[in-house]
Structure formats: structure tokens, C-alpha cells
C-alpha atoms as a PDB file:
ATOM      1  CA  MET A   1      11.392   2.314   3.284  1.00  0.00           C
ATOM      2  CA  ARG A   2      13.626  -0.038   6.592  1.00  0.00           C
ATOM      3  CA  GLY A   3      14.771  -2.736   8.445  1.00  0.00           C
ATOM      4  CA  TRP A   4      17.212  -4.889   6.588  1.00  0.00           C
ATOM      5  CA  ALA A   5      18.250  -7.120   9.438  1.00  0.00           C
ATOM      6  CA  VAL A   6      21.050  -9.531   8.830  1.00  0.00           C
ATOM      7  CA  SER A   7      20.286 -13.057  10.002  1.00  0.00           C
ATOM      8  CA  GLU A   8      17.591 -11.692  12.219  1.00  0.00           C
ATOM      9  CA  SER A   9      15.709 -10.205   9.259  1.00  0.00           C
ATOM     10  CA  MET A  10      14.573 -13.485   7.874  1.00  0.00           C
ATOM     11  CA  SER A  11      12.842 -14.598  11.083  1.00  0.00           C
ATOM     12  CA  THR A  12      11.422 -11.037  11.570  1.00  0.00           C
ATOM     13  CA  GLN A  13      10.110 -11.131   8.079  1.00  0.00           C
ATOM     14  CA  LYS A  14       8.272 -14.349   8.695  1.00  0.00           C
ATOM     15  CA  THR A  15       6.840 -13.202  12.048  1.00  0.00           C
ATOM     16  CA  THR A  16       5.641  -9.941  10.628  1.00  0.00           C
ATOM     17  CA  ARG A  17       3.950 -11.492   7.640  1.00  0.00           C
ATOM     18  CA  SER A  18       1.923 -13.732   9.933  1.00  0.00           C
ATOM     19  CA  GLN A  19       1.013 -10.818  12.224  1.00  0.00           C
ATOM     20  CA  VAL A  20      -0.251  -8.527   9.539  1.00  0.00           C
ATOM     21  CA  GLN A  21      -2.769 -11.076   8.265  1.00  0.00           C
ATOM     22  CA  ARG A  22      -4.666 -11.221  11.499  1.00  0.00           C
ATOM     23  CA  PRO A  23      -7.212  -8.734  12.794  1.00  0.00           C
ATOM     24  CA  GLY A  24      -5.715  -6.066  14.936  1.00  0.00           C
ATOM     25  CA  ALA A  25      -2.273  -6.997  13.706  1.00  0.00           C
ATOM     26  CA  SER A  26      -1.207  -3.388  13.290  1.00  0.00           C
ATOM     27  CA  ARG A  27      -0.893  -3.179  17.041  1.00  0.00           C
ATOM     28  CA  LEU A  28       1.635  -5.970  17.029  1.00  0.00           C
ATOM     29  CA  ILE A  29       3.982  -4.508  14.470  1.00  0.00           C
ATOM     30  CA  THR A  30       6.834  -2.486  15.983  1.00  0.00           C
ATOM     31  CA  PRO A  31       8.136   0.493  13.947  1.00  0.00           C
ATOM     32  CA  CYS A  32      11.471  -1.154  13.333  1.00  0.00           C
ATOM     33  CA  VAL A  33       9.951  -3.850  11.071  1.00  0.00           C
ATOM     34  CA  LEU A  34       7.356  -1.761   9.137  1.00  0.00           C
ATOM     35  CA  GLY A  35       9.656  -1.087   6.105  1.00  0.00           C
ATOM     36  CA  LEU A  36      10.764  -4.731   6.190  1.00  0.00           C
ATOM     37  CA  ALA A  37       7.127  -5.924   6.112  1.00  0.00           C
ATOM     38  CA  LEU A  38       6.394  -3.742   3.165  1.00  0.00           C
ATOM     39  CA  LEU A  39       9.279  -5.110   1.332  1.00  0.00           C
ATOM     40  CA  ALA A  40       8.221  -8.649   2.160  1.00  0.00           C
ATOM     41  CA  VAL A  41       4.581  -8.101   1.080  1.00  0.00           C
ATOM     42  CA  ALA A  42       5.474  -6.201  -2.021  1.00  0.00           C
ATOM     43  CA  GLY A  43       8.214  -8.686  -2.962  1.00  0.00           C
ATOM     44  CA  CYS A  44      10.811  -6.038  -3.842  1.00  0.00           C
ATOM     45  CA  THR A  45      13.931  -7.769  -2.627  1.00  0.00           C
ATOM     46  CA  GLY A  46      16.195  -7.514  -5.592  1.00  0.00           C
ATOM     47  CA  SER A  47      17.631  -9.782  -8.227  1.00  0.00           C
ATOM     48  CA  ASP A  48      17.643 -13.588  -7.745  1.00  0.00           C
ATOM     49  CA  LYS A  49      21.314 -13.516  -8.800  1.00  0.00           C
ATOM     50  CA  ASP A  50      23.683 -13.709  -5.829  1.00  0.00           C
ATOM     51  CA  GLU A  51      25.714 -10.745  -6.912  1.00  0.00           C
ATOM     52  CA  PRO A  52      28.238  -8.966  -4.567  1.00  0.00           C
ATOM     53  CA  VAL A  53      27.400  -5.491  -3.360  1.00  0.00           C
ATOM     54  CA  THR A  54      29.810  -2.767  -4.205  1.00  0.00           C
ATOM     55  CA  SER A  55      30.560  -0.252  -1.556  1.00  0.00           C
ATOM     56  CA  GLN A  56      31.972   3.003  -2.567  1.00  0.00           C
ATOM     57  CA  SER A  57      32.757   6.378  -1.134  1.00  0.00           C
ATOM     58  CA  GLY A  58      31.840   9.445  -3.130  1.00  0.00           C
ATOM     59  CA  SER A  59      30.646  13.012  -3.248  1.00  0.00           C
ATOM     60  CA  ALA A  60      27.001  12.084  -3.570  1.00  0.00           C
ATOM     61  CA  SER A  61      26.010  13.563  -0.300  1.00  0.00           C
ATOM     62  CA  PRO A  62      23.102  15.969  -0.325  1.00  0.00           C
ATOM     63  CA  SER A  63      24.417  19.441  -0.391  1.00  0.00           C
ATOM     64  CA  SER A  64      23.838  22.084   2.257  1.00  0.00           C
ATOM     65  CA  SER A  65      23.698  24.629  -0.489  1.00  0.00           C
ATOM     66  CA  ALA A  66      20.659  23.106  -2.062  1.00  0.00           C
ATOM     67  CA  GLU A  67      18.020  24.647   0.179  1.00  0.00           C
ATOM     68  CA  GLN A  68      16.458  26.340  -2.800  1.00  0.00           C
ATOM     69  CA  PRO A  69      16.957  23.753  -5.628  1.00  0.00           C
ATOM     70  CA  GLN A  70      17.053  25.041  -9.120  1.00  0.00           C
ATOM     71  CA  GLY A  71      13.640  24.795 -10.738  1.00  0.00           C
ATOM     72  CA  GLY A  72      11.669  25.484  -7.585  1.00  0.00           C
ATOM     73  CA  GLY A  73       9.425  23.034  -5.763  1.00  0.00           C
ATOM     74  CA  THR A  74       7.466  22.565  -2.475  1.00  0.00           C
ATOM     75  CA  PRO A  75       9.192  22.008   0.854  1.00  0.00           C
ATOM     76  CA  LEU A  76       7.967  18.803   2.647  1.00  0.00           C
ATOM     77  CA  GLY A  77       8.612  17.169   5.965  1.00  0.00           C
ATOM     78  CA  GLY A  78       9.645  18.903   9.229  1.00  0.00           C
ATOM     79  CA  ALA A  79      10.061  18.055  12.881  1.00  0.00           C
ATOM     80  CA  ASN A  80       7.380  15.508  12.924  1.00  0.00           C
ATOM     81  CA  THR A  81       8.841  13.695   9.931  1.00  0.00           C
ATOM     82  CA  GLY A  82      12.443  14.012  11.064  1.00  0.00           C
ATOM     83  CA  VAL A  83      13.669  15.101   7.619  1.00  0.00           C
ATOM     84  CA  THR A  84      12.990  17.756   5.108  1.00  0.00           C
ATOM     85  CA  PHE A  85      13.340  17.866   1.302  1.00  0.00           C
ATOM     86  CA  THR A  86      11.789  19.623  -1.749  1.00  0.00           C
ATOM     87  CA  LEU A  87       9.203  18.076  -3.957  1.00  0.00           C
ATOM     88  CA  PRO A  88      10.025  19.197  -7.491  1.00  0.00           C
ATOM     89  CA  THR A  89       7.532  21.219  -9.666  1.00  0.00           C
ATOM     90  CA  GLY A  90       5.126  18.615 -11.007  1.00  0.00           C
ATOM     91  CA  TRP A  91       5.148  16.403  -7.961  1.00  0.00           C
ATOM     92  CA  LYS A  92       2.594  16.306  -5.172  1.00  0.00           C
ATOM     93  CA  GLN A  93       2.138  14.840  -1.718  1.00  0.00           C
ATOM     94  CA  VAL A  94      -0.107  11.835  -1.400  1.00  0.00           C
ATOM     95  CA  ASP A  95      -1.351   9.532   1.276  1.00  0.00           C
ATOM     96  CA  PRO A  96      -1.319   5.962  -0.166  1.00  0.00           C
ATOM     97  CA  SER A  97      -3.270   4.536   2.723  1.00  0.00           C
ATOM     98  CA  GLN A  98      -6.297   6.677   1.633  1.00  0.00           C
ATOM     99  CA  ASP A  99      -5.801   7.689  -2.021  1.00  0.00           C
ATOM    100  CA  THR A 100      -7.847   5.446  -4.352  1.00  0.00           C
ATOM    101  CA  SER A 101      -6.627   6.879  -7.666  1.00  0.00           C
ATOM    102  CA  PRO A 102      -5.301   4.045  -9.936  1.00  0.00           C
ATOM    103  CA  VAL A 103      -1.886   5.623 -10.444  1.00  0.00           C
ATOM    104  CA  VAL A 104      -1.297   5.968  -6.662  1.00  0.00           C
ATOM    105  CA  GLN A 105      -2.531   2.463  -5.986  1.00  0.00           C
ATOM    106  CA  THR A 106      -0.251   0.993  -8.694  1.00  0.00           C
ATOM    107  CA  SER A 107       2.776   3.042  -7.668  1.00  0.00           C
ATOM    108  CA  PHE A 108       2.553   2.221  -3.976  1.00  0.00           C
ATOM    109  CA  ARG A 109       1.108  -1.272  -4.619  1.00  0.00           C
ATOM    110  CA  THR A 110      -2.024  -0.738  -2.507  1.00  0.00           C
ATOM    111  CA  SER A 111      -4.343  -2.698  -4.878  1.00  0.00           C
ATOM    112  CA  GLY A 112      -4.612  -6.310  -5.593  1.00  0.00           C
ATOM    113  CA  SER A 113      -4.554  -9.244  -3.135  1.00  0.00           C
ATOM    114  CA  ARG A 114      -1.912  -7.683  -0.816  1.00  0.00           C
ATOM    115  CA  GLY A 115      -3.304  -4.102  -1.077  1.00  0.00           C
ATOM    116  CA  GLU A 116      -5.047  -4.035   2.230  1.00  0.00           C
ATOM    117  CA  ILE A 117      -2.027  -5.362   4.077  1.00  0.00           C
ATOM    118  CA  ILE A 118       0.190  -2.740   2.544  1.00  0.00           C
ATOM    119  CA  LYS A 119      -2.204   0.059   3.280  1.00  0.00           C
ATOM    120  CA  GLY A 120      -2.344  -1.078   6.876  1.00  0.00           C
ATOM    121  CA  LEU A 121       1.436  -0.983   7.110  1.00  0.00           C
ATOM    122  CA  ILE A 122       1.584   2.430   5.384  1.00  0.00           C
ATOM    123  CA  GLY A 123      -0.977   3.596   8.005  1.00  0.00           C
ATOM    124  CA  GLU A 124       1.323   2.596  10.760  1.00  0.00           C
ATOM    125  CA  GLN A 125       4.311   4.468   9.045  1.00  0.00           C
ATOM    126  CA  LYS A 126       2.072   7.540   8.813  1.00  0.00           C
ATOM    127  CA  LYS A 127       1.908   7.511  12.633  1.00  0.00           C
ATOM    128  CA  LEU A 128       5.645   7.917  12.788  1.00  0.00           C
ATOM    129  CA  GLY A 129       5.520  11.020  10.504  1.00  0.00           C
ATOM    130  CA  VAL A 130       6.465   9.244   7.295  1.00  0.00           C
ATOM    131  CA  VAL A 131       5.424  11.201   4.127  1.00  0.00           C
ATOM    132  CA  TRP A 132       4.923  10.189   0.509  1.00  0.00           C
ATOM    133  CA  GLY A 133       5.041  11.951  -2.795  1.00  0.00           C
ATOM    134  CA  ILE A 134       4.462  11.151  -6.544  1.00  0.00           C
ATOM    135  CA  ASP A 135       5.201  12.561  -9.991  1.00  0.00           C
ATOM    136  CA  ALA A 136       1.833  14.023 -10.909  1.00  0.00           C
ATOM    137  CA  SER A 137       2.812  14.241 -14.570  1.00  0.00           C
ATOM    138  CA  VAL A 138       2.456  10.499 -14.803  1.00  0.00           C
ATOM    139  CA  THR A 139      -1.264   9.663 -14.824  1.00  0.00           C
ATOM    140  CA  SER A 140      -1.283   5.873 -15.349  1.00  0.00           C
ATOM    141  CA  GLY A 141       0.790   2.891 -14.636  1.00  0.00           C
ATOM    142  CA  PHE A 142       3.646   3.040 -12.127  1.00  0.00           C
ATOM    143  CA  ALA A 143       4.685   6.678 -11.509  1.00  0.00           C
ATOM    144  CA  PRO A 144       7.946   7.817  -9.942  1.00  0.00           C
ATOM    145  CA  ASN A 145       7.321   8.232  -6.179  1.00  0.00           C
ATOM    146  CA  LEU A 146       9.052   8.663  -2.907  1.00  0.00           C
ATOM    147  CA  THR A 147       8.698   7.724   0.804  1.00  0.00           C
ATOM    148  CA  ALA A 148      10.577   9.675   3.454  1.00  0.00           C
ATOM    149  CA  GLY A 149      10.778   9.823   7.318  1.00  0.00           C
ATOM    150  CA  CYS A 150      12.421   8.162  10.270  1.00  0.00           C
ATOM    151  CA  ASP A 151      12.171   4.753  11.940  1.00  0.00           C
ATOM    152  CA  ARG A 152      13.468   2.849  14.961  1.00  0.00           C
ATOM    153  CA  GLY A 153      15.971   0.060  14.667  1.00  0.00           C
ATOM    154  CA  GLY A 154      14.537  -2.177  17.469  1.00  0.00           C
ATOM    155  CA  ILE A 155      16.724  -5.016  18.648  1.00  0.00           C
ATOM    156  CA  ILE A 156      18.774  -4.698  15.418  1.00  0.00           C
ATOM    157  CA  GLY A 157      19.952  -1.193  16.219  1.00  0.00           C
ATOM    158  CA  THR A 158      20.878   1.536  13.819  1.00  0.00           C
ATOM    159  CA  GLU A 159      24.704   1.321  13.543  1.00  0.00           C
ATOM    160  CA  LEU A 160      25.705   2.337  10.080  1.00  0.00           C
ATOM    161  CA  GLU A 161      27.407  -0.950   9.062  1.00  0.00           C
ATOM    162  CA  THR A 162      24.385  -2.889  10.310  1.00  0.00           C
ATOM    163  CA  LEU A 163      22.019  -0.750   8.110  1.00  0.00           C
ATOM    164  CA  LYS A 164      24.308  -1.467   5.175  1.00  0.00           C
ATOM    165  CA  GLU A 165      24.232  -5.186   5.806  1.00  0.00           C
ATOM    166  CA  LYS A 166      20.488  -5.085   6.026  1.00  0.00           C
ATOM    167  CA  ALA A 167      20.401  -3.414   2.681  1.00  0.00           C
ATOM    168  CA  ARG A 168      22.945  -5.798   1.160  1.00  0.00           C
ATOM    169  CA  ARG A 169      21.022  -8.913   2.294  1.00  0.00           C
ATOM    170  CA  LEU A 170      17.596  -7.817   1.079  1.00  0.00           C
ATOM    171  CA  ASN A 171      18.754  -6.152  -2.139  1.00  0.00           C
ATOM    172  CA  LYS A 172      21.076  -8.453  -4.000  1.00  0.00           C
ATOM    173  CA  GLY A 173      23.167  -6.726  -6.626  1.00  0.00           C
ATOM    174  CA  ALA A 174      22.713  -3.319  -5.052  1.00  0.00           C
ATOM    175  CA  GLU A 175      25.336  -0.581  -5.043  1.00  0.00           C
ATOM    176  CA  ILE A 176      26.134   1.169  -1.891  1.00  0.00           C
ATOM    177  CA  THR A 177      27.831   4.484  -1.663  1.00  0.00           C
ATOM    178  CA  ASP A 178      28.907   6.263   1.484  1.00  0.00           C
ATOM    179  CA  LEU A 179      27.650   9.886   1.960  1.00  0.00           C
ATOM    180  CA  THR A 180      26.755  12.506   4.670  1.00  0.00           C
ATOM    181  CA  VAL A 181      23.432  14.102   5.323  1.00  0.00           C
ATOM    182  CA  SER A 182      23.409  17.229   7.524  1.00  0.00           C
ATOM    183  CA  GLY A 183      26.931  16.291   8.691  1.00  0.00           C
ATOM    184  CA  LYS A 184      25.906  12.762   9.694  1.00  0.00           C
ATOM    185  CA  PRO A 185      27.392   9.687   7.874  1.00  0.00           C
ATOM    186  CA  GLY A 186      24.955   7.493   5.941  1.00  0.00           C
ATOM    187  CA  PHE A 187      24.799   5.764   2.646  1.00  0.00           C
ATOM    188  CA  LYS A 188      22.939   5.653  -0.652  1.00  0.00           C
ATOM    189  CA  MET A 189      21.763   2.444  -2.146  1.00  0.00           C
ATOM    190  CA  THR A 190      20.671   1.887  -5.681  1.00  0.00           C
ATOM    191  CA  ASN A 191      18.983  -1.302  -6.828  1.00  0.00           C
ATOM    192  CA  THR A 192      16.618  -2.956  -9.274  1.00  0.00           C
ATOM    193  CA  SER A 193      13.994  -5.317  -8.150  1.00  0.00           C
ATOM    194  CA  THR A 194      10.717  -6.957  -9.286  1.00  0.00           C
ATOM    195  CA  GLY A 195       7.593  -6.900  -7.074  1.00  0.00           C
ATOM    196  CA  HIS A 196       4.909  -9.540  -6.820  1.00  0.00           C
ATOM    197  CA  ASP A 197       2.845  -7.540  -9.149  1.00  0.00           C
ATOM    198  CA  GLY A 198       5.472  -8.176 -11.898  1.00  0.00           C
ATOM    199  CA  VAL A 199       6.620  -4.509 -12.092  1.00  0.00           C
ATOM    200  CA  THR A 200      10.429  -4.130 -12.164  1.00  0.00           C
ATOM    201  CA  THR A 201      11.495  -0.916 -10.550  1.00  0.00           C
ATOM    202  CA  ASP A 202      14.670   1.088 -10.014  1.00  0.00           C
ATOM    203  CA  ALA A 203      15.114   2.392  -6.459  1.00  0.00           C
ATOM    204  CA  ILE A 204      17.396   4.921  -4.731  1.00  0.00           C
ATOM    205  CA  GLU A 205      17.460   4.945  -0.981  1.00  0.00           C
ATOM    206  CA  VAL A 206      19.394   7.151   1.450  1.00  0.00           C
ATOM    207  CA  SER A 207      19.647   5.960   5.041  1.00  0.00           C
ATOM    208  CA  VAL A 208      21.186   7.955   7.871  1.00  0.00           C
ATOM    209  CA  PRO A 209      21.529   6.849  11.574  1.00  0.00           C
ATOM    210  CA  VAL A 210      20.640   9.739  13.869  1.00  0.00           C
ATOM    211  CA  SER A 211      20.894   7.991  17.267  1.00  0.00           C
ATOM    212  CA  ASP A 212      21.388   4.655  18.733  1.00  0.00           C
ATOM    213  CA  GLU A 213      17.725   3.830  18.293  1.00  0.00           C
ATOM    214  CA  ARG A 214      16.654   5.872  15.209  1.00  0.00           C
ATOM    215  CA  TYR A 215      17.554   6.425  11.597  1.00  0.00           C
ATOM    216  CA  CYS A 216      16.060   8.450   8.822  1.00  0.00           C
ATOM    217  CA  PHE A 217      15.557   7.672   5.127  1.00  0.00           C
ATOM    218  CA  LEU A 218      14.475   8.801   1.719  1.00  0.00           C
ATOM    219  CA  ASN A 219      13.359   6.245  -0.853  1.00  0.00           C
ATOM    220  CA  LEU A 220      12.788   6.907  -4.498  1.00  0.00           C
ATOM    221  CA  ALA A 221      11.241   4.436  -6.896  1.00  0.00           C
ATOM    222  CA  ALA A 222      10.382   4.397 -10.577  1.00  0.00           C
ATOM    223  CA  GLU A 223       9.688   1.782 -13.270  1.00  0.00           C
ATOM    224  CA  GLN A 224      12.898   0.391 -14.568  1.00  0.00           C
ATOM    225  CA  GLY A 225      14.661   2.890 -16.877  1.00  0.00           C
ATOM    226  CA  THR A 226      12.266   5.778 -15.974  1.00  0.00           C
ATOM    227  CA  MET A 227      13.885   7.483 -12.933  1.00  0.00           C
ATOM    228  CA  PRO A 228      13.414  11.151 -13.677  1.00  0.00           C
ATOM    229  CA  PRO A 229      16.147  13.781 -13.499  1.00  0.00           C
ATOM    230  CA  ALA A 230      14.158  15.323 -10.704  1.00  0.00           C
ATOM    231  CA  ALA A 231      15.416  12.497  -8.445  1.00  0.00           C
ATOM    232  CA  GLU A 232      18.717  14.177  -8.137  1.00  0.00           C
ATOM    233  CA  GLN A 233      17.037  17.456  -7.114  1.00  0.00           C
ATOM    234  CA  ILE A 234      15.143  15.617  -4.413  1.00  0.00           C
ATOM    235  CA  LEU A 235      18.237  13.854  -3.135  1.00  0.00           C
ATOM    236  CA  ALA A 236      20.133  17.177  -3.058  1.00  0.00           C
ATOM    237  CA  SER A 237      17.504  18.810  -0.949  1.00  0.00           C
ATOM    238  CA  PHE A 238      17.263  15.968   1.599  1.00  0.00           C
ATOM    239  CA  LYS A 239      18.217  17.064   5.145  1.00  0.00           C
ATOM    240  CA  LEU A 240      17.641  15.985   8.722  1.00  0.00           C
ATOM    241  CA  ALA A 241      15.136  18.205  10.600  1.00  0.00           C
END
């Protein structure tokens, strides 16, 4: 979910945090900082250890031959979202800004002292066409989930190396791998982090610049050590719309 701005990200993070706590603040938040604000509020910014990020090139790019992933599933996304992918069998689409089920609230961190702020930010993302899904077979605790859509880079821009640096600064110890999505260069980031709720999660995020002002993304998250095999199916089906 992002906005990892290099030196600018720190000041943006502070500004956004103060804005979202005031009435009407959602009108002040520009799309380019929505993901960053969610990270700041949830506290998912990686390990405290100052570990170097590894950048690799590999064959992890979503395959054009995966339009009908093995095992079936439900297509999600489209022109309004900016991306398409397949929800595996057993997953379902959800709206974390409205869903009050405990598993959705826990998985998207929309409960607790910061819950209303996070729901407000998710509501703003929804206006951009962002969509969410969850593993419906997990009925309690933190369920594997995803967020996908497109965002604008704002003053930071969407140049590929800049997006990588954003990810590196906000996700210490992450591994970054180059890939392509629908023929466009992007990268995949894998990372482990602990939120303000004390839950440690593994995350996989694919980010792809699509213009000078816009980039698209798919984020998968699961409690540490529980990322399901279906994650690879979702990544393989991810395409630009």
C-alpha cells in the first residue's frame, strides 16, 4: 500500500499524521501519501535493525500465461482499479472501511485506538479504485489479506529507483527483486514488520510505475510464517488494466 519517499517521506509522514487527526482531514490528504499515512499509523515500517536491502533481478515477474490460474478463483479489479488479478478459491473481496467483522478489523487494523484514522485513510483509497481481499478460511486473528490498485506519486514522482528507495527507507531489511508486469519494469519487495498492535507480519508488495505521475501496486500480508501458497497464484495473475 505507497509512498516511501526518501528524505521527503519523513516530513510528509509527520504532516500527514497531524492532518488525519483533525476533523475534515481526509480532504487534506493527497493520494500520494495515503499509503504512507497507513504505514505510519499502523506502525508497519520493518525491523529496527539497520540492515542493508538486497536488490536482485529474477524471473519473479507475473506471467502473461496466468490469466486462468490453476485452481480457479474470482477475477478482481479492472479499469477503475488500474490492475487486475485473481482472488483464489476461498478468498473474498472486502471493504475494510465498512466491514465490522473481527477478523477483517484485526487483519486491516481498523479497530483499536487508531482504527478510525485507518478506516478514514482506507476510505480515501477506495475513491481511487483500490480494492481489498481476505482469506475467508481464516475466521479469527490476523488473516492473510491483500490491497491492490494505483496511486499518484505527487512531488516525489514515480520513477522506479525512487520507488525502490522509498521501500528501502521504510522497510529496513527488505529484499527487493526486479520484475516486469504487463511488460513494464517494476519490483517486488518482501519484508517482515511489527505493527503498533504487536502483530508481526510478512508482506509481499509489487510496485510498477505506469506513467510519470502514477504507479500501481499489489500488497499481500499475513501473520509471520503463515503466508499461504495462494500468494504465488495471486502474484502470477497480477496485471495492469
